[in-house]
Amino acid sequence: SGSLLHHLERPVDALREMRRVARSGVAVIEPNRNHP
């Protein structure tokens, strides 16, 4: 997923679903709040 989780109200639930359907890897990109 690319820049998805920060738009969701339940990001952990989405990550659990991603883990459920993944055999070997989960790759996630999110914005960095510490980048001004």
Full PDB file with SEQRES, HELIX, SHEET, SSBOND, CRYST1, ORIGX, SCALE, CONECT and MASTER records, all heavy atoms in Angstrom:
SEQRES   1 A   36  SER GLY SER LEU LEU HIS HIS LEU GLU ARG PRO VAL ASP          
SEQRES   2 A   36  ALA LEU ARG GLU MET ARG ARG VAL ALA ARG SER GLY VAL          
SEQRES   3 A   36  ALA VAL ILE GLU PRO ASN ARG ASN HIS PRO                      
HELIX    1 AA1 LEU A    5  HIS A    7  5                                   3    
HELIX    2 AA2 PRO A   11  VAL A   21  1                                  11    
CRYST1    1.000    1.000    1.000  90.00  90.00  90.00 P 1           1          
ORIGX1      1.000000  0.000000  0.000000        0.00000                         
ORIGX2      0.000000  1.000000  0.000000        0.00000                         
ORIGX3      0.000000  0.000000  1.000000        0.00000                         
SCALE1      1.000000  0.000000  0.000000        0.00000                         
SCALE2      0.000000  1.000000  0.000000        0.00000                         
SCALE3      0.000000  0.000000  1.000000        0.00000                         
ATOM      1  N   SER A   1       0.849  -1.194   0.000  1.00  0.00           N  
ATOM      2  CA  SER A   1       0.000   0.000   0.000  1.00  0.00           C  
ATOM      3  C   SER A   1       0.879   1.237   0.000  1.00  0.00           C  
ATOM      4  O   SER A   1       1.903   1.273   0.685  1.00  0.00           O  
ATOM      5  CB  SER A   1      -0.957   0.020   1.197  1.00  0.00           C  
ATOM      6  OG  SER A   1      -0.281   0.330   2.401  1.00  0.00           O  
ATOM      7  N   GLY A   2       0.488   2.227  -0.790  1.00  0.00           N  
ATOM      8  CA  GLY A   2       1.232   3.472  -0.883  1.00  0.00           C  
ATOM      9  C   GLY A   2       0.394   4.656  -0.435  1.00  0.00           C  
ATOM     10  O   GLY A   2      -0.579   5.025  -1.098  1.00  0.00           O  
ATOM     11  N   SER A   3       0.729   5.214   0.721  1.00  0.00           N  
ATOM     12  CA  SER A   3       0.036   6.390   1.268  1.00  0.00           C  
ATOM     13  C   SER A   3      -1.462   6.152   1.426  1.00  0.00           C  
ATOM     14  O   SER A   3      -2.283   7.022   1.111  1.00  0.00           O  
ATOM     15  CB  SER A   3       0.295   7.618   0.392  1.00  0.00           C  
ATOM     16  OG  SER A   3       1.656   7.989   0.436  1.00  0.00           O  
ATOM     17  N   LEU A   4      -1.805   4.999   1.939  1.00  0.00           N  
ATOM     18  CA  LEU A   4      -3.207   4.654   2.209  1.00  0.00           C  
ATOM     19  C   LEU A   4      -3.578   4.825   3.674  1.00  0.00           C  
ATOM     20  O   LEU A   4      -4.614   5.401   4.011  1.00  0.00           O  
ATOM     21  CB  LEU A   4      -3.469   3.205   1.784  1.00  0.00           C  
ATOM     22  CG  LEU A   4      -4.783   2.591   2.294  1.00  0.00           C  
ATOM     23  CD1 LEU A   4      -5.975   3.254   1.605  1.00  0.00           C  
ATOM     24  CD2 LEU A   4      -4.793   1.081   2.097  1.00  0.00           C  
ATOM     25  N   LEU A   5      -2.735   4.303   4.579  1.00  0.00           N  
ATOM     26  CA  LEU A   5      -3.142   4.139   5.973  1.00  0.00           C  
ATOM     27  C   LEU A   5      -3.531   5.446   6.640  1.00  0.00           C  
ATOM     28  O   LEU A   5      -4.445   5.474   7.468  1.00  0.00           O  
ATOM     29  CB  LEU A   5      -2.024   3.460   6.776  1.00  0.00           C  
ATOM     30  CG  LEU A   5      -1.629   2.049   6.324  1.00  0.00           C  
ATOM     31  CD1 LEU A   5      -0.548   1.504   7.242  1.00  0.00           C  
ATOM     32  CD2 LEU A   5      -2.834   1.120   6.285  1.00  0.00           C  
ATOM     33  N   HIS A   6      -2.862   6.548   6.304  1.00  0.00           N  
ATOM     34  CA  HIS A   6      -3.156   7.804   6.991  1.00  0.00           C  
ATOM     35  C   HIS A   6      -4.516   8.389   6.598  1.00  0.00           C  
ATOM     36  O   HIS A   6      -4.989   9.329   7.217  1.00  0.00           O  
ATOM     37  CB  HIS A   6      -2.036   8.831   6.788  1.00  0.00           C  
ATOM     38  CG  HIS A   6      -1.967   9.410   5.414  1.00  0.00           C  
ATOM     39  ND1 HIS A   6      -1.333   8.772   4.378  1.00  0.00           N  
ATOM     40  CD2 HIS A   6      -2.428  10.584   4.905  1.00  0.00           C  
ATOM     41  CE1 HIS A   6      -1.405   9.522   3.291  1.00  0.00           C  
ATOM     42  NE2 HIS A   6      -2.066  10.634   3.586  1.00  0.00           N  
ATOM     43  N   HIS A   7      -5.146   7.799   5.574  1.00  0.00           N  
ATOM     44  CA  HIS A   7      -6.502   8.204   5.208  1.00  0.00           C  
ATOM     45  C   HIS A   7      -7.573   7.362   5.915  1.00  0.00           C  
ATOM     46  O   HIS A   7      -8.763   7.657   5.779  1.00  0.00           O  
ATOM     47  CB  HIS A   7      -6.702   8.070   3.697  1.00  0.00           C  
ATOM     48  CG  HIS A   7      -5.909   9.040   2.887  1.00  0.00           C  
ATOM     49  ND1 HIS A   7      -6.166  10.398   2.885  1.00  0.00           N  
ATOM     50  CD2 HIS A   7      -4.863   8.861   2.045  1.00  0.00           C  
ATOM     51  CE1 HIS A   7      -5.320  11.006   2.084  1.00  0.00           C  
ATOM     52  NE2 HIS A   7      -4.509  10.105   1.568  1.00  0.00           N  
ATOM     53  N   LEU A   8      -7.159   6.346   6.637  1.00  0.00           N  
ATOM     54  CA  LEU A   8      -8.102   5.402   7.236  1.00  0.00           C  
ATOM     55  C   LEU A   8      -8.311   5.682   8.716  1.00  0.00           C  
ATOM     56  O   LEU A   8      -7.393   6.106   9.418  1.00  0.00           O  
ATOM     57  CB  LEU A   8      -7.598   3.964   7.066  1.00  0.00           C  
ATOM     58  CG  LEU A   8      -7.350   3.487   5.634  1.00  0.00           C  
ATOM     59  CD1 LEU A   8      -6.864   2.047   5.653  1.00  0.00           C  
ATOM     60  CD2 LEU A   8      -8.614   3.611   4.794  1.00  0.00           C  
ATOM     61  N   GLU A   9      -9.509   5.377   9.199  1.00  0.00           N  
ATOM     62  CA  GLU A   9      -9.804   5.528  10.617  1.00  0.00           C  
ATOM     63  C   GLU A   9      -9.341   4.309  11.412  1.00  0.00           C  
ATOM     64  O   GLU A   9      -9.138   4.401  12.621  1.00  0.00           O  
ATOM     65  CB  GLU A   9     -11.302   5.751  10.808  1.00  0.00           C  
ATOM     66  CG  GLU A   9     -11.789   7.057  10.180  1.00  0.00           C  
ATOM     67  CD  GLU A   9     -13.274   7.296  10.365  1.00  0.00           C  
ATOM     68  OE1 GLU A   9     -13.984   6.338  10.785  1.00  0.00           O  
ATOM     69  OE2 GLU A   9     -13.724   8.417  10.096  1.00  0.00           O  
ATOM     70  N   ARG A  10      -9.148   3.165  10.729  1.00  0.00           N  
ATOM     71  CA  ARG A  10      -8.724   1.935  11.399  1.00  0.00           C  
ATOM     72  C   ARG A  10      -7.541   1.317  10.645  1.00  0.00           C  
ATOM     73  O   ARG A  10      -7.664   0.247  10.056  1.00  0.00           O  
ATOM     74  CB  ARG A  10      -9.895   0.955  11.480  1.00  0.00           C  
ATOM     75  CG  ARG A  10     -11.060   1.456  12.314  1.00  0.00           C  
ATOM     76  CD  ARG A  10     -12.166   0.416  12.456  1.00  0.00           C  
ATOM     77  NE  ARG A  10     -12.999   0.316  11.270  1.00  0.00           N  
ATOM     78  CZ  ARG A  10     -13.161  -0.781  10.537  1.00  0.00           C  
ATOM     79  NH1 ARG A  10     -12.519  -1.897  10.842  1.00  0.00           N  
ATOM     80  NH2 ARG A  10     -13.955  -0.780   9.485  1.00  0.00           N  
ATOM     81  N   PRO A  11      -6.386   1.972  10.671  1.00  0.00           N  
ATOM     82  CA  PRO A  11      -5.255   1.465   9.890  1.00  0.00           C  
ATOM     83  C   PRO A  11      -4.776   0.085  10.317  1.00  0.00           C  
ATOM     84  O   PRO A  11      -4.329  -0.704   9.473  1.00  0.00           O  
ATOM     85  CB  PRO A  11      -4.166   2.522  10.098  1.00  0.00           C  
ATOM     86  CG  PRO A  11      -4.549   3.230  11.362  1.00  0.00           C  
ATOM     87  CD  PRO A  11      -6.040   3.224  11.380  1.00  0.00           C  
ATOM     88  N   VAL A  12      -4.858  -0.232  11.601  1.00  0.00           N  
ATOM     89  CA  VAL A  12      -4.404  -1.547  12.054  1.00  0.00           C  
ATOM     90  C   VAL A  12      -5.272  -2.646  11.453  1.00  0.00           C  
ATOM     91  O   VAL A  12      -4.763  -3.701  11.035  1.00  0.00           O  
ATOM     92  CB  VAL A  12      -4.410  -1.636  13.590  1.00  0.00           C  
ATOM     93  CG1 VAL A  12      -4.104  -3.056  14.043  1.00  0.00           C  
ATOM     94  CG2 VAL A  12      -3.378  -0.688  14.179  1.00  0.00           C  
ATOM     95  N   ASP A  13      -6.580  -2.411  11.371  1.00  0.00           N  
ATOM     96  CA  ASP A  13      -7.466  -3.410  10.765  1.00  0.00           C  
ATOM     97  C   ASP A  13      -7.097  -3.640   9.301  1.00  0.00           C  
ATOM     98  O   ASP A  13      -7.118  -4.780   8.821  1.00  0.00           O  
ATOM     99  CB  ASP A  13      -8.923  -2.965  10.871  1.00  0.00           C  
ATOM    100  CG  ASP A  13      -9.465  -3.034  12.289  1.00  0.00           C  
ATOM    101  OD1 ASP A  13      -8.812  -3.673  13.141  1.00  0.00           O  
ATOM    102  OD2 ASP A  13     -10.525  -2.436  12.543  1.00  0.00           O  
ATOM    103  N   ALA A  14      -6.765  -2.564   8.578  1.00  0.00           N  
ATOM    104  CA  ALA A  14      -6.357  -2.719   7.185  1.00  0.00           C  
ATOM    105  C   ALA A  14      -5.043  -3.497   7.085  1.00  0.00           C  
ATOM    106  O   ALA A  14      -4.896  -4.367   6.213  1.00  0.00           O  
ATOM    107  CB  ALA A  14      -6.220  -1.349   6.528  1.00  0.00           C  
ATOM    108  N   LEU A  15      -4.096  -3.209   7.967  1.00  0.00           N  
ATOM    109  CA  LEU A  15      -2.828  -3.941   7.958  1.00  0.00           C  
ATOM    110  C   LEU A  15      -3.035  -5.419   8.277  1.00  0.00           C  
ATOM    111  O   LEU A  15      -2.362  -6.285   7.699  1.00  0.00           O  
ATOM    112  CB  LEU A  15      -1.863  -3.328   8.972  1.00  0.00           C  
ATOM    113  CG  LEU A  15      -0.940  -2.212   8.497  1.00  0.00           C  
ATOM    114  CD1 LEU A  15      -0.076  -1.722   9.650  1.00  0.00           C  
ATOM    115  CD2 LEU A  15      -0.055  -2.671   7.340  1.00  0.00           C  
ATOM    116  N   ARG A  16      -3.948  -5.713   9.168  1.00  0.00           N  
ATOM    117  CA  ARG A  16      -4.236  -7.123   9.477  1.00  0.00           C  
ATOM    118  C   ARG A  16      -4.802  -7.843   8.264  1.00  0.00           C  
ATOM    119  O   ARG A  16      -4.489  -9.024   8.008  1.00  0.00           O  
ATOM    120  CB  ARG A  16      -5.194  -7.210  10.655  1.00  0.00           C  
ATOM    121  CG  ARG A  16      -4.539  -6.882  11.994  1.00  0.00           C  
ATOM    122  CD  ARG A  16      -5.557  -6.830  13.109  1.00  0.00           C  
ATOM    123  NE  ARG A  16      -4.920  -6.537  14.387  1.00  0.00           N  
ATOM    124  CZ  ARG A  16      -5.520  -5.889  15.390  1.00  0.00           C  
ATOM    125  NH1 ARG A  16      -6.776  -5.488  15.261  1.00  0.00           N  
ATOM    126  NH2 ARG A  16      -4.857  -5.660  16.516  1.00  0.00           N  
ATOM    127  N   GLU A  17      -5.661  -7.154   7.504  1.00  0.00           N  
ATOM    128  CA  GLU A  17      -6.187  -7.740   6.279  1.00  0.00           C  
ATOM    129  C   GLU A  17      -5.074  -7.963   5.258  1.00  0.00           C  
ATOM    130  O   GLU A  17      -5.035  -8.988   4.574  1.00  0.00           O  
ATOM    131  CB  GLU A  17      -7.264  -6.833   5.676  1.00  0.00           C  
ATOM    132  CG  GLU A  17      -8.660  -7.110   6.152  1.00  0.00           C  
ATOM    133  CD  GLU A  17      -9.168  -8.455   5.647  1.00  0.00           C  
ATOM    134  OE1 GLU A  17      -9.712  -8.528   4.533  1.00  0.00           O  
ATOM    135  OE2 GLU A  17      -8.992  -9.458   6.382  1.00  0.00           O  
ATOM    136  N   MET A  18      -4.170  -7.002   5.161  1.00  0.00           N  
ATOM    137  CA  MET A  18      -3.045  -7.157   4.252  1.00  0.00           C  
ATOM    138  C   MET A  18      -2.199  -8.360   4.654  1.00  0.00           C  
ATOM    139  O   MET A  18      -1.775  -9.147   3.796  1.00  0.00           O  
ATOM    140  CB  MET A  18      -2.214  -5.879   4.227  1.00  0.00           C  
ATOM    141  CG  MET A  18      -2.935  -4.684   3.595  1.00  0.00           C  
ATOM    142  SD  MET A  18      -2.079  -3.110   3.820  1.00  0.00           S  
ATOM    143  CE  MET A  18      -0.584  -3.392   2.867  1.00  0.00           C  
ATOM    144  N   ARG A  19      -1.950  -8.498   5.951  1.00  0.00           N  
ATOM    145  CA  ARG A  19      -1.186  -9.658   6.436  1.00  0.00           C  
ATOM    146  C   ARG A  19      -1.916 -10.961   6.119  1.00  0.00           C  
ATOM    147  O   ARG A  19      -1.293 -11.957   5.739  1.00  0.00           O  
ATOM    148  CB  ARG A  19      -0.965  -9.536   7.945  1.00  0.00           C  
ATOM    149  CG  ARG A  19      -0.259 -10.750   8.556  1.00  0.00           C  
ATOM    150  CD  ARG A  19       0.076 -10.535  10.030  1.00  0.00           C  
ATOM    151  NE  ARG A  19      -1.097 -10.304  10.833  1.00  0.00           N  
ATOM    152  CZ  ARG A  19      -1.859 -11.280  11.367  1.00  0.00           C  
ATOM    153  NH1 ARG A  19      -1.559 -12.558  11.145  1.00  0.00           N  
ATOM    154  NH2 ARG A  19      -2.897 -10.977  12.102  1.00  0.00           N  
ATOM    155  N   ARG A  20      -3.225 -10.961   6.237  1.00  0.00           N  
ATOM    156  CA  ARG A  20      -4.014 -12.179   6.005  1.00  0.00           C  
ATOM    157  C   ARG A  20      -3.842 -12.718   4.591  1.00  0.00           C  
ATOM    158  O   ARG A  20      -3.736 -13.949   4.396  1.00  0.00           O  
ATOM    159  CB  ARG A  20      -5.497 -11.890   6.268  1.00  0.00           C  
ATOM    160  CG  ARG A  20      -6.414 -13.093   6.038  1.00  0.00           C  
ATOM    161  CD  ARG A  20      -7.874 -12.746   6.239  1.00  0.00           C  
ATOM    162  NE  ARG A  20      -8.384 -11.814   5.230  1.00  0.00           N  
ATOM    163  CZ  ARG A  20      -8.746 -12.162   4.002  1.00  0.00           C  
ATOM    164  NH1 ARG A  20      -8.624 -13.427   3.593  1.00  0.00           N  
ATOM    165  NH2 ARG A  20      -9.210 -11.263   3.154  1.00  0.00           N  
ATOM    166  N   VAL A  21      -3.814 -11.832   3.604  1.00  0.00           N  
ATOM    167  CA  VAL A  21      -3.761 -12.307   2.215  1.00  0.00           C  
ATOM    168  C   VAL A  21      -2.338 -12.383   1.665  1.00  0.00           C  
ATOM    169  O   VAL A  21      -2.147 -12.763   0.510  1.00  0.00           O  
ATOM    170  CB  VAL A  21      -4.652 -11.442   1.299  1.00  0.00           C  
ATOM    171  CG1 VAL A  21      -6.092 -11.451   1.778  1.00  0.00           C  
ATOM    172  CG2 VAL A  21      -4.129 -10.022   1.173  1.00  0.00           C  
ATOM    173  N   ALA A  22      -1.346 -12.036   2.495  1.00  0.00           N  
ATOM    174  CA  ALA A  22       0.055 -12.050   2.044  1.00  0.00           C  
ATOM    175  C   ALA A  22       0.750 -13.341   2.459  1.00  0.00           C  
ATOM    176  O   ALA A  22       0.709 -13.727   3.626  1.00  0.00           O  
ATOM    177  CB  ALA A  22       0.800 -10.851   2.621  1.00  0.00           C  
ATOM    178  N   ARG A  23       1.431 -13.981   1.518  1.00  0.00           N  
ATOM    179  CA  ARG A  23       2.184 -15.188   1.836  1.00  0.00           C  
ATOM    180  C   ARG A  23       3.560 -14.871   2.409  1.00  0.00           C  
ATOM    181  O   ARG A  23       4.022 -15.540   3.330  1.00  0.00           O  
ATOM    182  CB  ARG A  23       2.348 -16.047   0.574  1.00  0.00           C  
ATOM    183  CG  ARG A  23       1.120 -16.845   0.195  1.00  0.00           C  
ATOM    184  CD  ARG A  23       1.433 -17.869  -0.876  1.00  0.00           C  
ATOM    185  NE  ARG A  23       1.712 -17.246  -2.161  1.00  0.00           N  
ATOM    186  CZ  ARG A  23       0.787 -16.969  -3.078  1.00  0.00           C  
ATOM    187  NH1 ARG A  23      -0.491 -17.249  -2.836  1.00  0.00           N  
ATOM    188  NH2 ARG A  23       1.110 -16.407  -4.228  1.00  0.00           N  
ATOM    189  N   SER A  24       4.233 -13.839   1.846  1.00  0.00           N  
ATOM    190  CA  SER A  24       5.628 -13.656   2.255  1.00  0.00           C  
ATOM    191  C   SER A  24       6.035 -12.225   2.559  1.00  0.00           C  
ATOM    192  O   SER A  24       7.058 -12.019   3.212  1.00  0.00           O  
ATOM    193  CB  SER A  24       6.563 -14.212   1.173  1.00  0.00           C  
ATOM    194  OG  SER A  24       6.352 -13.537  -0.057  1.00  0.00           O  
ATOM    195  N   GLY A  25       5.281 -11.222   2.116  1.00  0.00           N  
ATOM    196  CA  GLY A  25       5.730  -9.856   2.355  1.00  0.00           C  
ATOM    197  C   GLY A  25       4.612  -8.836   2.391  1.00  0.00           C  
ATOM    198  O   GLY A  25       3.604  -8.983   1.689  1.00  0.00           O  
ATOM    199  N   VAL A  26       4.791  -7.819   3.215  1.00  0.00           N  
ATOM    200  CA  VAL A  26       3.903  -6.661   3.265  1.00  0.00           C  
ATOM    201  C   VAL A  26       4.774  -5.416   3.138  1.00  0.00           C  
ATOM    202  O   VAL A  26       5.732  -5.242   3.905  1.00  0.00           O  
ATOM    203  CB  VAL A  26       3.082  -6.614   4.569  1.00  0.00           C  
ATOM    204  CG1 VAL A  26       2.271  -5.323   4.660  1.00  0.00           C  
ATOM    205  CG2 VAL A  26       2.158  -7.829   4.660  1.00  0.00           C  
ATOM    206  N   ALA A  27       4.462  -4.564   2.167  1.00  0.00           N  
ATOM    207  CA  ALA A  27       5.248  -3.362   1.888  1.00  0.00           C  
ATOM    208  C   ALA A  27       4.345  -2.140   1.992  1.00  0.00           C  
ATOM    209  O   ALA A  27       3.284  -2.096   1.357  1.00  0.00           O  
ATOM    210  CB  ALA A  27       5.862  -3.445   0.488  1.00  0.00           C  
ATOM    211  N   VAL A  28       4.763  -1.179   2.799  1.00  0.00           N  
ATOM    212  CA  VAL A  28       3.902  -0.025   3.089  1.00  0.00           C  
ATOM    213  C   VAL A  28       4.705   1.267   2.968  1.00  0.00           C  
ATOM    214  O   VAL A  28       5.848   1.345   3.437  1.00  0.00           O  
ATOM    215  CB  VAL A  28       3.302  -0.125   4.507  1.00  0.00           C  
ATOM    216  CG1 VAL A  28       2.480   1.112   4.850  1.00  0.00           C  
ATOM    217  CG2 VAL A  28       2.451  -1.384   4.648  1.00  0.00           C  
ATOM    218  N   ILE A  29       4.096   2.273   2.357  1.00  0.00           N  
ATOM    219  CA  ILE A  29       4.664   3.624   2.301  1.00  0.00           C  
ATOM    220  C   ILE A  29       3.688   4.581   2.962  1.00  0.00           C  
ATOM    221  O   ILE A  29       2.484   4.537   2.667  1.00  0.00           O  
ATOM    222  CB  ILE A  29       4.914   4.072   0.850  1.00  0.00           C  
ATOM    223  CG1 ILE A  29       5.892   3.130   0.141  1.00  0.00           C  
ATOM    224  CG2 ILE A  29       5.438   5.512   0.810  1.00  0.00           C  
ATOM    225  CD1 ILE A  29       6.011   3.400  -1.345  1.00  0.00           C  
ATOM    226  N   GLU A  30       4.200   5.434   3.844  1.00  0.00           N  
ATOM    227  CA  GLU A  30       3.378   6.480   4.456  1.00  0.00           C  
ATOM    228  C   GLU A  30       4.185   7.773   4.544  1.00  0.00           C  
ATOM    229  O   GLU A  30       5.417   7.737   4.619  1.00  0.00           O  
ATOM    230  CB  GLU A  30       2.910   6.067   5.851  1.00  0.00           C  
ATOM    231  CG  GLU A  30       1.805   5.028   5.863  1.00  0.00           C  
ATOM    232  CD  GLU A  30       0.526   5.513   5.195  1.00  0.00           C  
ATOM    233  OE1 GLU A  30       0.185   6.707   5.342  1.00  0.00           O  
ATOM    234  OE2 GLU A  30      -0.115   4.697   4.507  1.00  0.00           O  
ATOM    235  N   PRO A  31       3.511   8.925   4.539  1.00  0.00           N  
ATOM    236  CA  PRO A  31       4.229  10.196   4.685  1.00  0.00           C  
ATOM    237  C   PRO A  31       4.933  10.289   6.032  1.00  0.00           C  
ATOM    238  O   PRO A  31       4.478   9.713   7.035  1.00  0.00           O  
ATOM    239  CB  PRO A  31       3.109  11.244   4.585  1.00  0.00           C  
ATOM    240  CG  PRO A  31       1.992  10.549   3.892  1.00  0.00           C  
ATOM    241  CD  PRO A  31       2.066   9.119   4.327  1.00  0.00           C  
ATOM    242  N   ASN A  32       6.026  11.030   6.049  1.00  0.00           N  
ATOM    243  CA  ASN A  32       6.832  11.214   7.252  1.00  0.00           C  
ATOM    244  C   ASN A  32       6.509  12.577   7.878  1.00  0.00           C  
ATOM    245  O   ASN A  32       6.844  13.623   7.320  1.00  0.00           O  
ATOM    246  CB  ASN A  32       8.318  11.139   6.873  1.00  0.00           C  
ATOM    247  CG  ASN A  32       9.242  11.476   8.025  1.00  0.00           C  
ATOM    248  OD1 ASN A  32       8.868  11.386   9.200  1.00  0.00           O  
ATOM    249  ND2 ASN A  32      10.464  11.877   7.692  1.00  0.00           N  
ATOM    250  N   ARG A  33       5.891  12.551   9.054  1.00  0.00           N  
ATOM    251  CA  ARG A  33       5.486  13.813   9.687  1.00  0.00           C  
ATOM    252  C   ARG A  33       6.685  14.664  10.105  1.00  0.00           C  
ATOM    253  O   ARG A  33       6.552  15.872  10.329  1.00  0.00           O  
ATOM    254  CB  ARG A  33       4.630  13.526  10.913  1.00  0.00           C  
ATOM    255  CG  ARG A  33       5.406  12.944  12.098  1.00  0.00           C  
ATOM    256  CD  ARG A  33       4.516  12.664  13.273  1.00  0.00           C  
ATOM    257  NE  ARG A  33       5.269  12.143  14.413  1.00  0.00           N  
ATOM    258  CZ  ARG A  33       4.716  11.535  15.446  1.00  0.00           C  
ATOM    259  NH1 ARG A  33       3.404  11.360  15.485  1.00  0.00           N  
ATOM    260  NH2 ARG A  33       5.464  11.098  16.435  1.00  0.00           N  
ATOM    261  N   ASN A  34       7.860  14.064  10.205  1.00  0.00           N  
ATOM    262  CA  ASN A  34       9.056  14.800  10.613  1.00  0.00           C  
ATOM    263  C   ASN A  34       9.779  15.460   9.438  1.00  0.00           C  
ATOM    264  O   ASN A  34      10.833  16.068   9.638  1.00  0.00           O  
ATOM    265  CB  ASN A  34      10.005  13.873  11.373  1.00  0.00           C  
ATOM    266  CG  ASN A  34       9.402  13.407  12.687  1.00  0.00           C  
ATOM    267  OD1 ASN A  34       8.799  14.194  13.408  1.00  0.00           O  
ATOM    268  ND2 ASN A  34       9.535  12.123  12.982  1.00  0.00           N  
ATOM    269  N   HIS A  35       9.230  15.335   8.253  1.00  0.00           N  
ATOM    270  CA  HIS A  35       9.737  16.027   7.072  1.00  0.00           C  
ATOM    271  C   HIS A  35       8.960  17.343   6.970  1.00  0.00           C  
ATOM    272  O   HIS A  35       7.738  17.326   6.758  1.00  0.00           O  
ATOM    273  CB  HIS A  35       9.502  15.156   5.838  1.00  0.00           C  
ATOM    274  CG  HIS A  35      10.012  15.726   4.561  1.00  0.00           C  
ATOM    275  ND1 HIS A  35      11.340  15.758   4.236  1.00  0.00           N  
ATOM    276  CD2 HIS A  35       9.360  16.290   3.512  1.00  0.00           C  
ATOM    277  CE1 HIS A  35      11.495  16.299   3.040  1.00  0.00           C  
ATOM    278  NE2 HIS A  35      10.309  16.644   2.584  1.00  0.00           N  
ATOM    279  N   PRO A  36       9.598  18.504   7.158  1.00  0.00           N  
ATOM    280  CA  PRO A  36       8.858  19.761   7.303  1.00  0.00           C  
ATOM    281  C   PRO A  36       7.834  20.060   6.202  1.00  0.00           C  
ATOM    282  O   PRO A  36       6.687  20.416   6.524  1.00  0.00           O  
ATOM    283  CB  PRO A  36       9.970  20.811   7.380  1.00  0.00           C  
ATOM    284  CG  PRO A  36      11.107  20.073   8.019  1.00  0.00           C  
ATOM    285  CD  PRO A  36      11.041  18.696   7.432  1.00  0.00           C  
TER     286      PRO A  36                                                      
MASTER        0    0    0    2    0    0    0    6  285    1    0    3          
END                                                                             
